[in-house]
Amino acid sequence: MVLLYIIILHDTDIFALRNRMNNSDELRVEIEQRKKDIEELKIALSDLDDPRALEKFAREHHLYKKDDEDLFTISFK
């Protein structure tokens, strides 16, 4: 009877432990993905030391332009 209580009815029953293990596996995968993302961002950040790369980034991601230029954006949404 005590074994049945421990395995099924207790707060830390076998089902809860299995869910926690699955959750921890998912979190480990997410941690590895975040580490890869951080490494990619570090590389991208080091590339921005070059003024030409910085200008390209600003133009592509923030739609910056020079004073004598016109900028047109096209959205396909």
PDB file of N, CA and C in Angstrom:
ATOM      1  N   MET A   1       0.816  -1.196   0.000  1.00  0.00           N
ATOM      2  CA  MET A   1       0.000   0.000   0.000  1.00  0.00           C
ATOM      3  C   MET A   1       0.859   1.260   0.000  1.00  0.00           C
ATOM      4  N   VAL A   2       1.912   1.261   0.803  1.00  0.00           N
ATOM      5  CA  VAL A   2       2.809   2.421   0.858  1.00  0.00           C
ATOM      6  C   VAL A   2       3.502   2.607  -0.490  1.00  0.00           C
ATOM      7  N   LEU A   3       3.890   1.517  -1.121  1.00  0.00           N
ATOM      8  CA  LEU A   3       4.545   1.594  -2.419  1.00  0.00           C
ATOM      9  C   LEU A   3       3.599   2.181  -3.464  1.00  0.00           C
ATOM     10  N   LEU A   4       2.358   1.783  -3.451  1.00  0.00           N
ATOM     11  CA  LEU A   4       1.360   2.332  -4.356  1.00  0.00           C
ATOM     12  C   LEU A   4       1.210   3.841  -4.141  1.00  0.00           C
ATOM     13  N   TYR A   5       1.184   4.270  -2.899  1.00  0.00           N
ATOM     14  CA  TYR A   5       1.084   5.698  -2.579  1.00  0.00           C
ATOM     15  C   TYR A   5       2.287   6.458  -3.117  1.00  0.00           C
ATOM     16  N   ILE A   6       3.475   5.916  -2.947  1.00  0.00           N
ATOM     17  CA  ILE A   6       4.701   6.588  -3.387  1.00  0.00           C
ATOM     18  C   ILE A   6       4.756   6.664  -4.911  1.00  0.00           C
ATOM     19  N   ILE A   7       4.360   5.598  -5.583  1.00  0.00           N
ATOM     20  CA  ILE A   7       4.472   5.544  -7.046  1.00  0.00           C
ATOM     21  C   ILE A   7       3.396   6.386  -7.733  1.00  0.00           C
ATOM     22  N   ILE A   8       2.184   6.391  -7.225  1.00  0.00           N
ATOM     23  CA  ILE A   8       1.076   7.010  -7.957  1.00  0.00           C
ATOM     24  C   ILE A   8       0.482   8.232  -7.274  1.00  0.00           C
ATOM     25  N   LEU A   9       0.277   8.218  -6.002  1.00  0.00           N
ATOM     26  CA  LEU A   9      -0.520   9.244  -5.344  1.00  0.00           C
ATOM     27  C   LEU A   9       0.279  10.386  -4.724  1.00  0.00           C
ATOM     28  N   HIS A  10       1.535  10.225  -4.516  1.00  0.00           N
ATOM     29  CA  HIS A  10       2.355  11.252  -3.870  1.00  0.00           C
ATOM     30  C   HIS A  10       2.610  12.412  -4.835  1.00  0.00           C
ATOM     31  N   ASP A  11       2.979  13.590  -4.295  1.00  0.00           N
ATOM     32  CA  ASP A  11       3.252  14.767  -5.132  1.00  0.00           C
ATOM     33  C   ASP A  11       4.379  14.517  -6.118  1.00  0.00           C
ATOM     34  N   THR A  12       5.355  13.743  -5.723  1.00  0.00           N
ATOM     35  CA  THR A  12       6.462  13.418  -6.620  1.00  0.00           C
ATOM     36  C   THR A  12       6.302  11.998  -7.139  1.00  0.00           C
ATOM     37  N   ASP A  13       5.136  11.740  -7.719  1.00  0.00           N
ATOM     38  CA  ASP A  13       4.875  10.409  -8.257  1.00  0.00           C
ATOM     39  C   ASP A  13       5.646  10.194  -9.559  1.00  0.00           C
ATOM     40  N   ILE A  14       5.523   9.033 -10.095  1.00  0.00           N
ATOM     41  CA  ILE A  14       6.294   8.651 -11.277  1.00  0.00           C
ATOM     42  C   ILE A  14       5.917   9.498 -12.492  1.00  0.00           C
ATOM     43  N   PHE A  15       4.658   9.914 -12.578  1.00  0.00           N
ATOM     44  CA  PHE A  15       4.218  10.727 -13.711  1.00  0.00           C
ATOM     45  C   PHE A  15       4.811  12.138 -13.640  1.00  0.00           C
ATOM     46  N   ALA A  16       4.836  12.693 -12.467  1.00  0.00           N
ATOM     47  CA  ALA A  16       5.426  14.026 -12.300  1.00  0.00           C
ATOM     48  C   ALA A  16       6.921  13.985 -12.581  1.00  0.00           C
ATOM     49  N   LEU A  17       7.583  12.934 -12.131  1.00  0.00           N
ATOM     50  CA  LEU A  17       9.016  12.810 -12.399  1.00  0.00           C
ATOM     51  C   LEU A  17       9.289  12.677 -13.891  1.00  0.00           C
ATOM     52  N   ARG A  18       8.448  11.929 -14.582  1.00  0.00           N
ATOM     53  CA  ARG A  18       8.619  11.781 -16.030  1.00  0.00           C
ATOM     54  C   ARG A  18       8.407  13.119 -16.741  1.00  0.00           C
ATOM     55  N   ASN A  19       7.401  13.869 -16.332  1.00  0.00           N
ATOM     56  CA  ASN A  19       7.161  15.186 -16.925  1.00  0.00           C
ATOM     57  C   ASN A  19       8.338  16.121 -16.675  1.00  0.00           C
ATOM     58  N   ARG A  20       8.891  16.078 -15.492  1.00  0.00           N
ATOM     59  CA  ARG A  20      10.042  16.922 -15.172  1.00  0.00           C
ATOM     60  C   ARG A  20      11.259  16.533 -16.003  1.00  0.00           C
ATOM     61  N   MET A  21      11.445  15.242 -16.213  1.00  0.00           N
ATOM     62  CA  MET A  21      12.569  14.781 -17.031  1.00  0.00           C
ATOM     63  C   MET A  21      12.407  15.242 -18.477  1.00  0.00           C
ATOM     64  N   ASN A  22      11.190  15.143 -19.010  1.00  0.00           N
ATOM     65  CA  ASN A  22      10.936  15.616 -20.373  1.00  0.00           C
ATOM     66  C   ASN A  22      11.164  17.122 -20.469  1.00  0.00           C
ATOM     67  N   ASN A  23      10.700  17.839 -19.455  1.00  0.00           N
ATOM     68  CA  ASN A  23      10.880  19.286 -19.432  1.00  0.00           C
ATOM     69  C   ASN A  23      12.362  19.645 -19.357  1.00  0.00           C
ATOM     70  N   SER A  24      13.120  18.927 -18.567  1.00  0.00           N
ATOM     71  CA  SER A  24      14.544  19.218 -18.444  1.00  0.00           C
ATOM     72  C   SER A  24      15.269  18.922 -19.752  1.00  0.00           C
ATOM     73  N   ASP A  25      14.845  17.878 -20.483  1.00  0.00           N
ATOM     74  CA  ASP A  25      15.437  17.588 -21.790  1.00  0.00           C
ATOM     75  C   ASP A  25      15.164  18.720 -22.773  1.00  0.00           C
ATOM     76  N   GLU A  26      13.946  19.213 -22.778  1.00  0.00           N
ATOM     77  CA  GLU A  26      13.591  20.337 -23.651  1.00  0.00           C
ATOM     78  C   GLU A  26      14.404  21.578 -23.293  1.00  0.00           C
ATOM     79  N   LEU A  27      14.577  21.825 -22.018  1.00  0.00           N
ATOM     80  CA  LEU A  27      15.351  22.986 -21.587  1.00  0.00           C
ATOM     81  C   LEU A  27      16.822  22.851 -21.971  1.00  0.00           C
ATOM     82  N   ARG A  28      17.359  21.646 -21.909  1.00  0.00           N
ATOM     83  CA  ARG A  28      18.752  21.440 -22.333  1.00  0.00           C
ATOM     84  C   ARG A  28      18.920  21.747 -23.816  1.00  0.00           C
ATOM     85  N   VAL A  29      17.965  21.313 -24.625  1.00  0.00           N
ATOM     86  CA  VAL A  29      18.011  21.602 -26.054  1.00  0.00           C
ATOM     87  C   VAL A  29      17.923  23.106 -26.291  1.00  0.00           C
ATOM     88  N   GLU A  30      17.052  23.769 -25.567  1.00  0.00           N
ATOM     89  CA  GLU A  30      16.914  25.220 -25.711  1.00  0.00           C
ATOM     90  C   GLU A  30      18.188  25.945 -25.281  1.00  0.00           C
ATOM     91  N   ILE A  31      18.834  25.467 -24.236  1.00  0.00           N
ATOM     92  CA  ILE A  31      20.090  26.069 -23.776  1.00  0.00           C
ATOM     93  C   ILE A  31      21.159  25.951 -24.855  1.00  0.00           C
ATOM     94  N   GLU A  32      21.259  24.791 -25.475  1.00  0.00           N
ATOM     95  CA  GLU A  32      22.247  24.596 -26.544  1.00  0.00           C
ATOM     96  C   GLU A  32      21.961  25.518 -27.721  1.00  0.00           C
ATOM     97  N   GLN A  33      20.678  25.682 -28.074  1.00  0.00           N
ATOM     98  CA  GLN A  33      20.318  26.581 -29.169  1.00  0.00           C
ATOM     99  C   GLN A  33      20.662  28.024 -28.813  1.00  0.00           C
ATOM    100  N   ARG A  34      20.408  28.421 -27.586  1.00  0.00           N
ATOM    101  CA  ARG A  34      20.733  29.790 -27.159  1.00  0.00           C
ATOM    102  C   ARG A  34      22.234  30.027 -27.196  1.00  0.00           C
ATOM    103  N   LYS A  35      23.023  29.018 -26.817  1.00  0.00           N
ATOM    104  CA  LYS A  35      24.480  29.153 -26.876  1.00  0.00           C
ATOM    105  C   LYS A  35      24.949  29.361 -28.305  1.00  0.00           C
ATOM    106  N   LYS A  36      24.354  28.625 -29.253  1.00  0.00           N
ATOM    107  CA  LYS A  36      24.699  28.805 -30.664  1.00  0.00           C
ATOM    108  C   LYS A  36      24.321  30.206 -31.126  1.00  0.00           C
ATOM    109  N   ASP A  37      23.136  30.667 -30.723  1.00  0.00           N
ATOM    110  CA  ASP A  37      22.693  32.010 -31.096  1.00  0.00           C
ATOM    111  C   ASP A  37      23.639  33.075 -30.544  1.00  0.00           C
ATOM    112  N   ILE A  38      24.091  32.888 -29.325  1.00  0.00           N
ATOM    113  CA  ILE A  38      25.017  33.848 -28.706  1.00  0.00           C
ATOM    114  C   ILE A  38      26.324  33.894 -29.479  1.00  0.00           C
ATOM    115  N   GLU A  39      26.832  32.738 -29.886  1.00  0.00           N
ATOM    116  CA  GLU A  39      28.081  32.704 -30.652  1.00  0.00           C
ATOM    117  C   GLU A  39      27.909  33.413 -31.993  1.00  0.00           C
ATOM    118  N   GLU A  40      26.764  33.195 -32.654  1.00  0.00           N
ATOM    119  CA  GLU A  40      26.495  33.884 -33.923  1.00  0.00           C
ATOM    120  C   GLU A  40      26.417  35.391 -33.723  1.00  0.00           C
ATOM    121  N   LEU A  41      25.795  35.826 -32.635  1.00  0.00           N
ATOM    122  CA  LEU A  41      25.697  37.261 -32.352  1.00  0.00           C
ATOM    123  C   LEU A  41      27.055  37.870 -32.044  1.00  0.00           C
ATOM    124  N   LYS A  42      27.914  37.123 -31.359  1.00  0.00           N
ATOM    125  CA  LYS A  42      29.265  37.615 -31.075  1.00  0.00           C
ATOM    126  C   LYS A  42      30.038  37.820 -32.368  1.00  0.00           C
ATOM    127  N   ILE A  43      29.887  36.887 -33.311  1.00  0.00           N
ATOM    128  CA  ILE A  43      30.557  37.023 -34.605  1.00  0.00           C
ATOM    129  C   ILE A  43      30.008  38.230 -35.348  1.00  0.00           C
ATOM    130  N   ALA A  44      28.689  38.389 -35.359  1.00  0.00           N
ATOM    131  CA  ALA A  44      28.070  39.529 -36.042  1.00  0.00           C
ATOM    132  C   ALA A  44      28.497  40.840 -35.398  1.00  0.00           C
ATOM    133  N   LEU A  45      28.612  40.862 -34.097  1.00  0.00           N
ATOM    134  CA  LEU A  45      29.027  42.073 -33.390  1.00  0.00           C
ATOM    135  C   LEU A  45      30.472  42.430 -33.710  1.00  0.00           C
ATOM    136  N   SER A  46      31.318  41.441 -33.799  1.00  0.00           N
ATOM    137  CA  SER A  46      32.717  41.726 -34.125  1.00  0.00           C
ATOM    138  C   SER A  46      32.848  42.224 -35.565  1.00  0.00           C
ATOM    139  N   ASP A  47      31.930  41.787 -36.446  1.00  0.00           N
ATOM    140  CA  ASP A  47      31.954  42.272 -37.831  1.00  0.00           C
ATOM    141  C   ASP A  47      31.567  43.741 -37.919  1.00  0.00           C
ATOM    142  N   LEU A  48      30.832  44.248 -36.947  1.00  0.00           N
ATOM    143  CA  LEU A  48      30.371  45.636 -36.999  1.00  0.00           C
ATOM    144  C   LEU A  48      31.469  46.637 -36.645  1.00  0.00           C
ATOM    145  N   ASP A  49      32.662  46.169 -36.345  1.00  0.00           N
ATOM    146  CA  ASP A  49      33.779  47.093 -36.122  1.00  0.00           C
ATOM    147  C   ASP A  49      34.175  47.808 -37.413  1.00  0.00           C
ATOM    148  N   ASP A  50      33.908  47.179 -38.542  1.00  0.00           N
ATOM    149  CA  ASP A  50      34.188  47.780 -39.842  1.00  0.00           C
ATOM    150  C   ASP A  50      33.096  48.796 -40.165  1.00  0.00           C
ATOM    151  N   PRO A  51      33.461  50.036 -40.499  1.00  0.00           N
ATOM    152  CA  PRO A  51      32.426  51.060 -40.778  1.00  0.00           C
ATOM    153  C   PRO A  51      31.501  50.689 -41.939  1.00  0.00           C
ATOM    154  N   ARG A  52      32.022  50.007 -42.950  1.00  0.00           N
ATOM    155  CA  ARG A  52      31.176  49.626 -44.087  1.00  0.00           C
ATOM    156  C   ARG A  52      30.148  48.575 -43.649  1.00  0.00           C
ATOM    157  N   ALA A  53      30.556  47.646 -42.817  1.00  0.00           N
ATOM    158  CA  ALA A  53      29.632  46.627 -42.330  1.00  0.00           C
ATOM    159  C   ALA A  53      28.588  47.259 -41.412  1.00  0.00           C
ATOM    160  N   LEU A  54      28.998  48.239 -40.622  1.00  0.00           N
ATOM    161  CA  LEU A  54      28.064  48.942 -39.751  1.00  0.00           C
ATOM    162  C   LEU A  54      27.025  49.699 -40.572  1.00  0.00           C
ATOM    163  N   GLU A  55      27.466  50.361 -41.646  1.00  0.00           N
ATOM    164  CA  GLU A  55      26.530  51.075 -42.517  1.00  0.00           C
ATOM    165  C   GLU A  55      25.562  50.095 -43.186  1.00  0.00           C
ATOM    166  N   LYS A  56      26.063  48.969 -43.644  1.00  0.00           N
ATOM    167  CA  LYS A  56      25.206  47.965 -44.271  1.00  0.00           C
ATOM    168  C   LYS A  56      24.157  47.451 -43.289  1.00  0.00           C
ATOM    169  N   PHE A  57      24.580  47.189 -42.068  1.00  0.00           N
ATOM    170  CA  PHE A  57      23.648  46.727 -41.038  1.00  0.00           C
ATOM    171  C   PHE A  57      22.564  47.766 -40.775  1.00  0.00           C
ATOM    172  N   ALA A  58      22.971  49.019 -40.641  1.00  0.00           N
ATOM    173  CA  ALA A  58      22.007  50.087 -40.366  1.00  0.00           C
ATOM    174  C   ALA A  58      21.015  50.242 -41.510  1.00  0.00           C
ATOM    175  N   ARG A  59      21.490  50.121 -42.733  1.00  0.00           N
ATOM    176  CA  ARG A  59      20.601  50.256 -43.884  1.00  0.00           C
ATOM    177  C   ARG A  59      19.624  49.088 -43.969  1.00  0.00           C
ATOM    178  N   GLU A  60      20.107  47.872 -43.749  1.00  0.00           N
ATOM    179  CA  GLU A  60      19.257  46.694 -43.908  1.00  0.00           C
ATOM    180  C   GLU A  60      18.267  46.509 -42.768  1.00  0.00           C
ATOM    181  N   HIS A  61      18.701  46.766 -41.552  1.00  0.00           N
ATOM    182  CA  HIS A  61      17.862  46.441 -40.406  1.00  0.00           C
ATOM    183  C   HIS A  61      17.096  47.632 -39.834  1.00  0.00           C
ATOM    184  N   HIS A  62      17.578  48.830 -40.045  1.00  0.00           N
ATOM    185  CA  HIS A  62      16.926  50.000 -39.463  1.00  0.00           C
ATOM    186  C   HIS A  62      16.482  51.011 -40.512  1.00  0.00           C
ATOM    187  N   LEU A  63      16.626  50.635 -41.780  1.00  0.00           N
ATOM    188  CA  LEU A  63      16.184  51.463 -42.909  1.00  0.00           C
ATOM    189  C   LEU A  63      16.810  52.864 -42.895  1.00  0.00           C
ATOM    190  N   TYR A  64      18.060  52.944 -42.484  1.00  0.00           N
ATOM    191  CA  TYR A  64      18.764  54.227 -42.531  1.00  0.00           C
ATOM    192  C   TYR A  64      19.114  54.549 -43.976  1.00  0.00           C
ATOM    193  N   LYS A  65      19.261  55.840 -44.256  1.00  0.00           N
ATOM    194  CA  LYS A  65      19.619  56.277 -45.599  1.00  0.00           C
ATOM    195  C   LYS A  65      20.479  57.525 -45.504  1.00  0.00           C
ATOM    196  N   LYS A  66      21.127  57.817 -46.603  1.00  0.00           N
ATOM    197  CA  LYS A  66      21.907  59.048 -46.671  1.00  0.00           C
ATOM    198  C   LYS A  66      20.970  60.206 -46.976  1.00  0.00           C
ATOM    199  N   ASP A  67      21.450  61.442 -46.746  1.00  0.00           N
ATOM    200  CA  ASP A  67      20.602  62.622 -46.938  1.00  0.00           C
ATOM    201  C   ASP A  67      20.150  62.790 -48.387  1.00  0.00           C
ATOM    202  N   ASP A  68      20.989  62.406 -49.331  1.00  0.00           N
ATOM    203  CA  ASP A  68      20.649  62.630 -50.741  1.00  0.00           C
ATOM    204  C   ASP A  68      19.989  61.397 -51.383  1.00  0.00           C
ATOM    205  N   GLU A  69      19.476  60.482 -50.607  1.00  0.00           N
ATOM    206  CA  GLU A  69      18.844  59.280 -51.128  1.00  0.00           C
ATOM    207  C   GLU A  69      17.354  59.263 -50.776  1.00  0.00           C
ATOM    208  N   ASP A  70      16.601  58.573 -51.623  1.00  0.00           N
ATOM    209  CA  ASP A  70      15.199  58.289 -51.335  1.00  0.00           C
ATOM    210  C   ASP A  70      15.089  56.795 -51.023  1.00  0.00           C
ATOM    211  N   LEU A  71      14.239  56.470 -50.081  1.00  0.00           N
ATOM    212  CA  LEU A  71      14.093  55.083 -49.656  1.00  0.00           C
ATOM    213  C   LEU A  71      12.658  54.647 -49.870  1.00  0.00           C
ATOM    214  N   PHE A  72      12.503  53.510 -50.571  1.00  0.00           N
ATOM    215  CA  PHE A  72      11.185  52.931 -50.800  1.00  0.00           C
ATOM    216  C   PHE A  72      11.170  51.546 -50.184  1.00  0.00           C
ATOM    217  N   THR A  73      10.149  51.255 -49.406  1.00  0.00           N
ATOM    218  CA  THR A  73      10.001  49.924 -48.841  1.00  0.00           C
ATOM    219  C   THR A  73       8.768  49.268 -49.423  1.00  0.00           C
ATOM    220  N   ILE A  74       8.903  47.992 -49.745  1.00  0.00           N
ATOM    221  CA  ILE A  74       7.807  47.226 -50.323  1.00  0.00           C
ATOM    222  C   ILE A  74       7.471  46.092 -49.358  1.00  0.00           C
ATOM    223  N   SER A  75       6.219  46.011 -48.993  1.00  0.00           N
ATOM    224  CA  SER A  75       5.773  44.961 -48.073  1.00  0.00           C
ATOM    225  C   SER A  75       4.853  44.013 -48.811  1.00  0.00           C
ATOM    226  N   PHE A  76       5.089  42.717 -48.652  1.00  0.00           N
ATOM    227  CA  PHE A  76       4.269  41.700 -49.314  1.00  0.00           C
ATOM    228  C   PHE A  76       3.329  41.022 -48.332  1.00  0.00           C
ATOM    229  N   LYS A  77       2.977  41.696 -47.274  1.00  0.00           N
ATOM    230  CA  LYS A  77       2.078  41.100 -46.271  1.00  0.00           C
ATOM    231  C   LYS A  77       0.635  41.295 -46.639  1.00  0.00           C
TER     232      LYS A  77
END
